[in-house]
Amino acid sequence: MTTDRRVIVCYDVADDYRRNHVSRTLLDYGTRIQQSVFECILSQDLHDEMVERVKRLTASYPEDRVCFVDLCATCGEKITVVGSSPRADQVKSMIV
């Protein structure tokens, strides 16, 4: 049985064009919860695909940084949100 994983992705990308490209790429996998932070619930295959796509966009630029933080199920249940930003598991529909 494949278990989906909750991943928080945050980034600091120096160039506007690359930053927008990274942002649009991450929208394919998750929900924006802050300006440069996404929450994703993914299978292992989709996680690996996402990481590879982001690497292709940023690997040649040492000033760029993208951080992928895997949360265990227990940690995911302990997330506290103050404000109106949606959580990935609260999104009602997704266009694929």
N, C-alpha and C. Protein backbone atom coordinates (compact mmCIF):
# COMPACT_ATOMS: atom_id res chain seq x y z
N MET A 1 0.83 -1.17 0.00
CA MET A 1 0.00 0.00 0.00
C MET A 1 0.89 1.25 0.00
N THR A 2 0.58 2.19 -0.87
CA THR A 2 1.34 3.43 -0.96
C THR A 2 0.70 4.47 -0.05
N THR A 3 1.53 5.09 0.75
CA THR A 3 1.05 6.11 1.65
C THR A 3 1.47 7.47 1.13
N ASP A 4 0.52 8.40 1.06
CA ASP A 4 0.86 9.75 0.68
C ASP A 4 1.63 10.41 1.81
N ARG A 5 2.44 11.36 1.45
CA ARG A 5 3.24 12.07 2.44
C ARG A 5 2.94 13.55 2.37
N ARG A 6 2.99 14.20 3.51
CA ARG A 6 2.79 15.65 3.59
C ARG A 6 4.17 16.29 3.55
N VAL A 7 4.34 17.22 2.62
CA VAL A 7 5.62 17.88 2.43
C VAL A 7 5.40 19.39 2.44
N ILE A 8 6.21 20.08 3.21
CA ILE A 8 6.23 21.54 3.18
C ILE A 8 7.42 21.94 2.30
N VAL A 9 7.16 22.79 1.31
CA VAL A 9 8.21 23.24 0.40
C VAL A 9 8.32 24.75 0.54
N CYS A 10 9.53 25.22 0.85
CA CYS A 10 9.75 26.66 0.92
C CYS A 10 10.96 26.99 0.06
N TYR A 11 10.94 28.19 -0.48
CA TYR A 11 12.02 28.53 -1.41
C TYR A 11 12.41 29.99 -1.31
N ASP A 12 13.65 30.23 -1.68
CA ASP A 12 14.20 31.57 -1.82
C ASP A 12 14.95 31.55 -3.14
N VAL A 13 14.33 32.10 -4.17
CA VAL A 13 14.88 32.09 -5.53
C VAL A 13 15.14 33.54 -5.92
N ALA A 14 16.38 33.83 -6.32
CA ALA A 14 16.81 35.21 -6.53
C ALA A 14 16.17 35.88 -7.74
N ASP A 15 16.02 35.17 -8.82
CA ASP A 15 15.55 35.75 -10.08
C ASP A 15 14.03 35.67 -10.20
N ASP A 16 13.38 36.77 -10.59
CA ASP A 16 11.91 36.80 -10.71
C ASP A 16 11.39 35.73 -11.66
N TYR A 17 12.02 35.57 -12.81
CA TYR A 17 11.55 34.59 -13.80
C TYR A 17 11.62 33.18 -13.23
N ARG A 18 12.77 32.82 -12.64
CA ARG A 18 12.91 31.48 -12.05
C ARG A 18 11.95 31.29 -10.89
N ARG A 19 11.81 32.33 -10.05
CA ARG A 19 10.90 32.24 -8.91
C ARG A 19 9.48 31.97 -9.37
N ASN A 20 9.03 32.67 -10.40
CA ASN A 20 7.69 32.44 -10.93
C ASN A 20 7.55 31.04 -11.51
N HIS A 21 8.61 30.57 -12.16
CA HIS A 21 8.57 29.22 -12.73
C HIS A 21 8.51 28.16 -11.62
N VAL A 22 9.30 28.35 -10.58
CA VAL A 22 9.25 27.43 -9.44
C VAL A 22 7.86 27.45 -8.82
N SER A 23 7.30 28.62 -8.64
CA SER A 23 5.97 28.75 -8.04
C SER A 23 4.92 28.03 -8.88
N ARG A 24 4.93 28.25 -10.19
CA ARG A 24 3.96 27.58 -11.06
C ARG A 24 4.16 26.07 -11.05
N THR A 25 5.40 25.62 -10.96
CA THR A 25 5.67 24.19 -10.88
C THR A 25 5.09 23.60 -9.60
N LEU A 26 5.31 24.27 -8.48
CA LEU A 26 4.81 23.76 -7.20
C LEU A 26 3.29 23.76 -7.14
N LEU A 27 2.65 24.67 -7.86
CA LEU A 27 1.18 24.66 -7.91
C LEU A 27 0.64 23.38 -8.54
N ASP A 28 1.46 22.69 -9.33
CA ASP A 28 1.06 21.40 -9.90
C ASP A 28 0.98 20.31 -8.84
N TYR A 29 1.58 20.56 -7.67
CA TYR A 29 1.69 19.51 -6.66
C TYR A 29 1.04 19.84 -5.33
N GLY A 30 0.78 21.12 -5.07
CA GLY A 30 0.26 21.44 -3.74
C GLY A 30 -0.42 22.79 -3.68
N THR A 31 -0.60 23.25 -2.46
CA THR A 31 -1.33 24.46 -2.15
C THR A 31 -0.38 25.50 -1.58
N ARG A 32 -0.46 26.71 -2.11
CA ARG A 32 0.35 27.80 -1.55
C ARG A 32 -0.24 28.18 -0.19
N ILE A 33 0.60 28.16 0.85
CA ILE A 33 0.13 28.54 2.18
C ILE A 33 0.78 29.83 2.66
N GLN A 34 1.83 30.24 2.02
CA GLN A 34 2.48 31.53 2.23
C GLN A 34 3.07 31.94 0.88
N GLN A 35 3.62 33.14 0.80
CA GLN A 35 4.13 33.63 -0.48
C GLN A 35 5.12 32.65 -1.12
N SER A 36 6.04 32.13 -0.35
CA SER A 36 7.05 31.21 -0.88
C SER A 36 7.03 29.86 -0.18
N VAL A 37 5.85 29.45 0.27
CA VAL A 37 5.71 28.18 0.99
C VAL A 37 4.49 27.43 0.45
N PHE A 38 4.69 26.14 0.17
CA PHE A 38 3.63 25.27 -0.32
C PHE A 38 3.49 24.08 0.60
N GLU A 39 2.26 23.58 0.70
CA GLU A 39 2.00 22.33 1.41
C GLU A 39 1.48 21.34 0.37
N CYS A 40 2.11 20.17 0.33
CA CYS A 40 1.77 19.17 -0.68
C CYS A 40 1.48 17.84 0.01
N ILE A 41 0.51 17.11 -0.51
CA ILE A 41 0.23 15.75 -0.07
C ILE A 41 0.42 14.88 -1.30
N LEU A 42 1.48 14.07 -1.28
CA LEU A 42 1.94 13.40 -2.50
C LEU A 42 2.30 11.94 -2.26
N SER A 43 2.15 11.16 -3.32
CA SER A 43 2.72 9.82 -3.32
C SER A 43 4.24 9.96 -3.46
N GLN A 44 4.96 8.90 -3.23
CA GLN A 44 6.41 8.92 -3.38
C GLN A 44 6.80 9.29 -4.81
N ASP A 45 6.10 8.73 -5.80
CA ASP A 45 6.41 9.02 -7.20
C ASP A 45 6.22 10.50 -7.52
N LEU A 46 5.11 11.09 -7.07
CA LEU A 46 4.88 12.51 -7.33
C LEU A 46 5.88 13.38 -6.58
N HIS A 47 6.24 12.98 -5.37
CA HIS A 47 7.27 13.70 -4.61
C HIS A 47 8.58 13.72 -5.39
N ASP A 48 9.00 12.57 -5.87
CA ASP A 48 10.25 12.48 -6.62
C ASP A 48 10.19 13.31 -7.90
N GLU A 49 9.05 13.27 -8.57
CA GLU A 49 8.87 14.05 -9.79
C GLU A 49 8.97 15.55 -9.49
N MET A 50 8.32 15.98 -8.43
CA MET A 50 8.35 17.39 -8.05
C MET A 50 9.78 17.85 -7.76
N VAL A 51 10.51 17.07 -6.97
CA VAL A 51 11.88 17.41 -6.62
C VAL A 51 12.74 17.51 -7.88
N GLU A 52 12.59 16.58 -8.79
CA GLU A 52 13.38 16.61 -10.03
C GLU A 52 13.05 17.82 -10.88
N ARG A 53 11.78 18.16 -10.99
CA ARG A 53 11.40 19.35 -11.76
C ARG A 53 11.99 20.62 -11.15
N VAL A 54 11.93 20.74 -9.84
CA VAL A 54 12.48 21.92 -9.18
C VAL A 54 14.00 21.95 -9.31
N LYS A 55 14.65 20.80 -9.20
CA LYS A 55 16.11 20.74 -9.38
C LYS A 55 16.51 21.24 -10.76
N ARG A 56 15.76 20.84 -11.79
CA ARG A 56 16.08 21.28 -13.15
C ARG A 56 16.00 22.81 -13.27
N LEU A 57 15.11 23.42 -12.51
CA LEU A 57 14.95 24.87 -12.58
C LEU A 57 16.02 25.64 -11.80
N THR A 58 16.56 25.04 -10.75
CA THR A 58 17.40 25.79 -9.81
C THR A 58 18.83 25.27 -9.65
N ALA A 59 19.14 24.10 -10.14
CA ALA A 59 20.43 23.47 -9.85
C ALA A 59 21.63 24.30 -10.30
N SER A 60 21.49 25.05 -11.36
CA SER A 60 22.63 25.82 -11.89
C SER A 60 22.83 27.15 -11.19
N TYR A 61 22.02 27.45 -10.19
CA TYR A 61 22.06 28.76 -9.54
C TYR A 61 22.30 28.59 -8.05
N PRO A 62 23.55 28.73 -7.61
CA PRO A 62 23.87 28.49 -6.20
C PRO A 62 23.19 29.47 -5.24
N GLU A 63 22.71 30.61 -5.74
CA GLU A 63 22.04 31.56 -4.86
C GLU A 63 20.59 31.15 -4.56
N ASP A 64 20.06 30.20 -5.31
CA ASP A 64 18.69 29.72 -5.08
C ASP A 64 18.69 28.59 -4.07
N ARG A 65 17.62 28.54 -3.28
CA ARG A 65 17.49 27.47 -2.29
C ARG A 65 16.03 27.04 -2.21
N VAL A 66 15.82 25.74 -2.30
CA VAL A 66 14.49 25.16 -2.13
C VAL A 66 14.61 24.07 -1.08
N CYS A 67 13.74 24.13 -0.09
CA CYS A 67 13.79 23.19 1.02
C CYS A 67 12.52 22.35 1.04
N PHE A 68 12.66 21.03 1.05
CA PHE A 68 11.54 20.09 1.10
C PHE A 68 11.54 19.46 2.49
N VAL A 69 10.48 19.69 3.25
CA VAL A 69 10.40 19.17 4.62
C VAL A 69 9.28 18.14 4.68
N ASP A 70 9.65 16.88 4.89
CA ASP A 70 8.66 15.81 5.05
C ASP A 70 8.15 15.81 6.48
N LEU A 71 6.82 15.73 6.61
CA LEU A 71 6.21 15.65 7.93
C LEU A 71 5.60 14.27 8.12
N CYS A 72 5.84 13.68 9.26
CA CYS A 72 5.20 12.40 9.56
C CYS A 72 3.71 12.66 9.83
N ALA A 73 2.92 11.60 9.85
CA ALA A 73 1.48 11.74 10.06
C ALA A 73 1.17 12.45 11.38
N THR A 74 1.90 12.12 12.42
CA THR A 74 1.68 12.75 13.72
C THR A 74 1.99 14.24 13.67
N CYS A 75 3.11 14.60 13.03
CA CYS A 75 3.48 16.02 12.91
C CYS A 75 2.46 16.77 12.07
N GLY A 76 1.96 16.15 11.01
CA GLY A 76 0.96 16.79 10.16
C GLY A 76 -0.30 17.12 10.92
N GLU A 77 -0.66 16.29 11.87
CA GLU A 77 -1.86 16.53 12.68
C GLU A 77 -1.66 17.65 13.68
N LYS A 78 -0.41 18.00 13.96
CA LYS A 78 -0.11 19.03 14.96
C LYS A 78 0.08 20.42 14.36
N ILE A 79 -0.13 20.57 13.07
CA ILE A 79 0.03 21.87 12.43
C ILE A 79 -1.07 22.81 12.92
N THR A 80 -0.66 23.99 13.35
CA THR A 80 -1.60 25.03 13.76
C THR A 80 -1.50 26.17 12.77
N VAL A 81 -2.63 26.61 12.25
CA VAL A 81 -2.67 27.72 11.30
C VAL A 81 -3.48 28.85 11.93
N VAL A 82 -2.91 30.03 11.92
CA VAL A 82 -3.62 31.23 12.36
C VAL A 82 -3.78 32.09 11.12
N GLY A 83 -5.01 32.32 10.70
CA GLY A 83 -5.27 33.09 9.49
C GLY A 83 -6.09 32.26 8.52
N SER A 84 -6.20 32.75 7.30
CA SER A 84 -7.13 32.15 6.36
C SER A 84 -6.49 31.33 5.26
N SER A 85 -5.19 31.16 5.28
CA SER A 85 -4.53 30.39 4.23
C SER A 85 -5.00 28.94 4.26
N PRO A 86 -5.40 28.37 3.11
CA PRO A 86 -5.91 26.99 3.11
C PRO A 86 -4.81 25.97 3.33
N ARG A 87 -5.17 24.86 3.91
CA ARG A 87 -4.28 23.71 4.04
C ARG A 87 -4.47 22.83 2.82
N ALA A 88 -3.47 22.04 2.48
CA ALA A 88 -3.54 21.18 1.30
C ALA A 88 -4.70 20.20 1.38
N ASP A 89 -5.01 19.72 2.58
CA ASP A 89 -6.10 18.76 2.72
C ASP A 89 -7.46 19.43 2.79
N GLN A 90 -7.51 20.76 2.69
CA GLN A 90 -8.77 21.49 2.72
C GLN A 90 -9.19 21.95 1.33
N VAL A 91 -8.36 21.72 0.33
CA VAL A 91 -8.70 22.14 -1.02
C VAL A 91 -9.84 21.27 -1.52
N LYS A 92 -10.89 21.90 -2.02
CA LYS A 92 -12.09 21.17 -2.40
C LYS A 92 -11.97 20.52 -3.76
N SER A 93 -11.25 21.13 -4.69
CA SER A 93 -11.13 20.55 -6.02
C SER A 93 -9.75 20.86 -6.58
N MET A 94 -9.34 20.02 -7.52
CA MET A 94 -8.05 20.21 -8.14
C MET A 94 -8.18 19.93 -9.63
N ILE A 95 -7.65 20.80 -10.45
CA ILE A 95 -7.67 20.60 -11.89
C ILE A 95 -6.39 19.89 -12.28
N VAL A 96 -6.52 18.76 -12.95
CA VAL A 96 -5.34 17.98 -13.33
C VAL A 96 -5.19 17.99 -14.83
